[in-house]
Amino acid sequence: MVKKNLHNRVHFEEIIHRISGLSENSKRKWGKMDVCQMMRHCNLVLQIPLKRLELPAINPLFGTIGRITKIEMQIFNNGIPRNMPTFQKLIINFDCEFDNEKQNLLKTLDEYWNAFKNTNLPDHHVLFGKMKEKDWGFLEFKHLDHHLKQFNV
């Protein structure tokens, strides 16, 4: 099974293509966010490796669970379970404008690609611990893939 990674240009373009397939009428298969909120959420998550959003410190037990989860996902290449809890800062429960959010997400993805190409990704994540470039690419792809599947693209 292929381990897709946002640092592979083919996989990166796949994500762009799937985002382009979203519309204001895209319906979710699970969860509470609408398509616009999901794009805002994904944009915020990408702000973390861009060093524009800092997550709060967490309980060491959750950090241990996060590091184990990162390893498990990499070994088994599994996805993110549905309805997983997230950081309060990443919850979007307000209305937003679809075209703006889509444009912003695509712009942020380009900025992420540039940060990767310039080896400017952080070496740590509050939940997942020590991070290498390959970890960022793998986990960011898994996160985007999870939410795009949520909206059938």
Protein backbone atom coordinates (compact mmCIF):
# COMPACT_ATOMS: atom_id res chain seq x y z
CA MET A 1 0.00 0.00 0.00
CA VAL A 2 1.29 3.44 -0.96
CA LYS A 3 2.02 5.85 1.86
CA LYS A 4 0.88 9.13 0.40
CA ASN A 5 2.73 12.21 1.47
CA LEU A 6 2.06 15.89 0.91
CA HIS A 7 5.74 16.28 -0.03
CA ASN A 8 5.27 14.13 -3.12
CA ARG A 9 4.15 16.54 -5.85
CA VAL A 10 1.73 13.95 -7.35
CA HIS A 11 0.03 13.49 -3.98
CA PHE A 12 0.06 17.25 -3.37
CA GLU A 13 -1.67 17.82 -6.72
CA GLU A 14 -4.21 15.10 -5.85
CA ILE A 15 -5.19 17.09 -2.75
CA ILE A 16 -5.48 20.30 -4.81
CA HIS A 17 -7.68 18.48 -7.34
CA ARG A 18 -9.91 17.08 -4.60
CA ILE A 19 -10.30 20.49 -2.95
CA SER A 20 -11.22 21.89 -6.37
CA GLY A 21 -14.01 19.30 -6.48
CA LEU A 22 -15.70 20.76 -3.40
CA SER A 23 -18.77 22.94 -3.80
CA GLU A 24 -20.95 24.94 -1.46
CA ASN A 25 -23.42 22.04 -1.68
CA SER A 26 -20.94 19.31 -0.69
CA LYS A 27 -22.57 17.26 2.06
CA ARG A 28 -20.71 15.69 4.93
CA LYS A 29 -20.86 11.97 5.67
CA TRP A 30 -20.06 12.50 9.35
CA GLY A 31 -19.19 15.21 11.85
CA LYS A 32 -20.58 18.66 12.60
CA MET A 33 -18.68 20.99 10.26
CA ASP A 34 -20.07 22.09 6.93
CA VAL A 35 -17.75 22.18 3.91
CA CYS A 36 -16.74 25.80 4.48
CA GLN A 37 -15.92 25.19 8.15
CA MET A 38 -13.93 22.09 7.19
CA MET A 39 -11.76 24.12 4.80
CA ARG A 40 -11.15 26.76 7.49
CA HIS A 41 -10.23 23.98 9.94
CA CYS A 42 -7.79 22.42 7.45
CA ASN A 43 -6.28 25.84 6.79
CA LEU A 44 -5.71 26.35 10.53
CA VAL A 45 -4.07 22.93 10.86
CA LEU A 46 -1.66 23.86 8.05
CA GLN A 47 -0.81 27.10 9.92
CA ILE A 48 0.91 24.98 12.61
CA PRO A 49 3.86 23.79 10.48
CA LEU A 50 3.99 27.29 8.95
CA LYS A 51 4.66 28.52 12.53
CA ARG A 52 1.70 30.93 12.42
CA LEU A 53 -0.44 29.06 14.95
CA GLU A 54 0.79 27.70 18.24
CA LEU A 55 -1.15 25.01 20.04
CA PRO A 56 -1.38 25.07 23.84
CA ALA A 57 0.66 22.68 25.96
CA ILE A 58 -1.07 19.41 26.71
CA ASN A 59 -1.13 16.85 29.49
CA PRO A 60 1.92 14.54 29.20
CA LEU A 61 -0.41 11.51 28.97
CA PHE A 62 -2.04 12.98 25.84
CA GLY A 63 1.42 13.66 24.44
CA THR A 64 2.33 10.00 24.92
CA ILE A 65 -0.89 8.94 23.20
CA GLY A 66 -0.16 11.39 20.36
CA ARG A 67 3.36 10.04 19.81
CA ILE A 68 2.09 6.45 19.83
CA THR A 69 -0.69 7.40 17.39
CA LYS A 70 1.86 8.97 15.03
CA ILE A 71 3.94 5.78 15.04
CA GLU A 72 0.85 3.56 14.61
CA MET A 73 -0.38 5.62 11.64
CA GLN A 74 3.02 5.37 9.98
CA ILE A 75 3.37 1.63 10.53
CA PHE A 76 -0.14 0.65 9.49
CA ASN A 77 -0.79 3.57 7.10
CA ASN A 78 -4.23 3.92 8.64
CA GLY A 79 -6.37 7.02 8.59
CA ILE A 80 -7.78 9.30 11.23
CA PRO A 81 -10.88 7.92 12.98
CA ARG A 82 -14.15 9.79 12.51
CA ASN A 83 -15.26 12.36 15.09
CA MET A 84 -11.87 12.61 16.80
CA PRO A 85 -11.56 15.42 19.34
CA THR A 86 -9.32 18.34 18.39
CA PHE A 87 -7.75 21.39 19.98
CA GLN A 88 -10.19 24.16 20.85
CA LYS A 89 -8.20 26.57 18.63
CA LEU A 90 -8.97 24.37 15.63
CA ILE A 91 -12.73 24.10 16.12
CA ILE A 92 -14.73 26.10 13.60
CA ASN A 93 -18.35 26.47 14.67
CA PHE A 94 -19.29 29.70 12.93
CA ASP A 95 -20.38 30.62 9.43
CA CYS A 96 -17.80 31.44 6.82
CA GLU A 97 -17.74 32.25 3.11
CA PHE A 98 -17.11 29.27 0.82
CA ASP A 99 -15.12 30.92 -1.99
CA ASN A 100 -12.85 32.77 0.44
CA GLU A 101 -12.15 29.63 2.46
CA LYS A 102 -11.42 27.58 -0.65
CA GLN A 103 -9.07 30.24 -2.01
CA ASN A 104 -7.36 30.62 1.39
CA LEU A 105 -6.86 26.87 1.78
CA LEU A 106 -5.29 26.57 -1.67
CA LYS A 107 -3.04 29.57 -0.92
CA THR A 108 -1.96 28.07 2.39
CA LEU A 109 -1.19 24.77 0.68
CA ASP A 110 1.14 26.63 -1.69
CA GLU A 111 2.79 28.32 1.29
CA TYR A 112 3.17 24.93 2.97
CA TRP A 113 4.83 23.53 -0.20
CA ASN A 114 7.28 26.46 -0.19
CA ALA A 115 8.07 25.94 3.51
CA PHE A 116 8.76 22.27 2.79
CA LYS A 117 10.94 23.05 -0.24
CA ASN A 118 12.90 25.57 1.85
CA THR A 119 13.28 23.03 4.71
CA ASN A 120 11.45 25.41 7.01
CA LEU A 121 9.13 23.02 8.86
CA PRO A 122 9.32 22.77 12.66
CA ASP A 123 10.96 19.83 14.41
CA HIS A 124 8.23 19.48 17.05
CA HIS A 125 4.44 19.21 17.37
CA VAL A 126 2.62 19.61 20.69
CA LEU A 127 0.69 16.35 20.24
CA PHE A 128 2.96 14.24 18.03
CA GLY A 129 6.32 15.18 19.58
CA LYS A 130 9.52 15.20 17.55
CA MET A 131 8.77 15.74 13.86
CA LYS A 132 10.84 15.15 10.75
CA GLU A 133 9.87 16.54 7.35
CA LYS A 134 8.50 13.14 6.32
CA ASP A 135 6.27 13.13 9.43
CA TRP A 136 4.76 16.50 8.50
CA GLY A 137 4.12 15.44 4.92
CA PHE A 138 2.54 12.14 5.94
CA LEU A 139 0.36 13.51 8.74
CA GLU A 140 -0.78 16.59 6.83
CA PHE A 141 -1.76 14.40 3.89
CA LYS A 142 -3.68 12.06 6.23
CA HIS A 143 -5.50 15.01 7.82
CA LEU A 144 -6.53 16.56 4.50
CA ASP A 145 -7.48 13.15 3.09
CA HIS A 146 -9.66 12.47 6.15
CA HIS A 147 -11.65 15.68 5.72
CA LEU A 148 -11.93 15.41 1.95
CA LYS A 149 -13.34 11.89 2.36
CA GLN A 150 -15.74 13.39 4.88
CA PHE A 151 -17.15 15.42 1.95
CA ASN A 152 -16.99 12.64 -0.67
CA VAL A 153 -14.00 13.92 -2.65
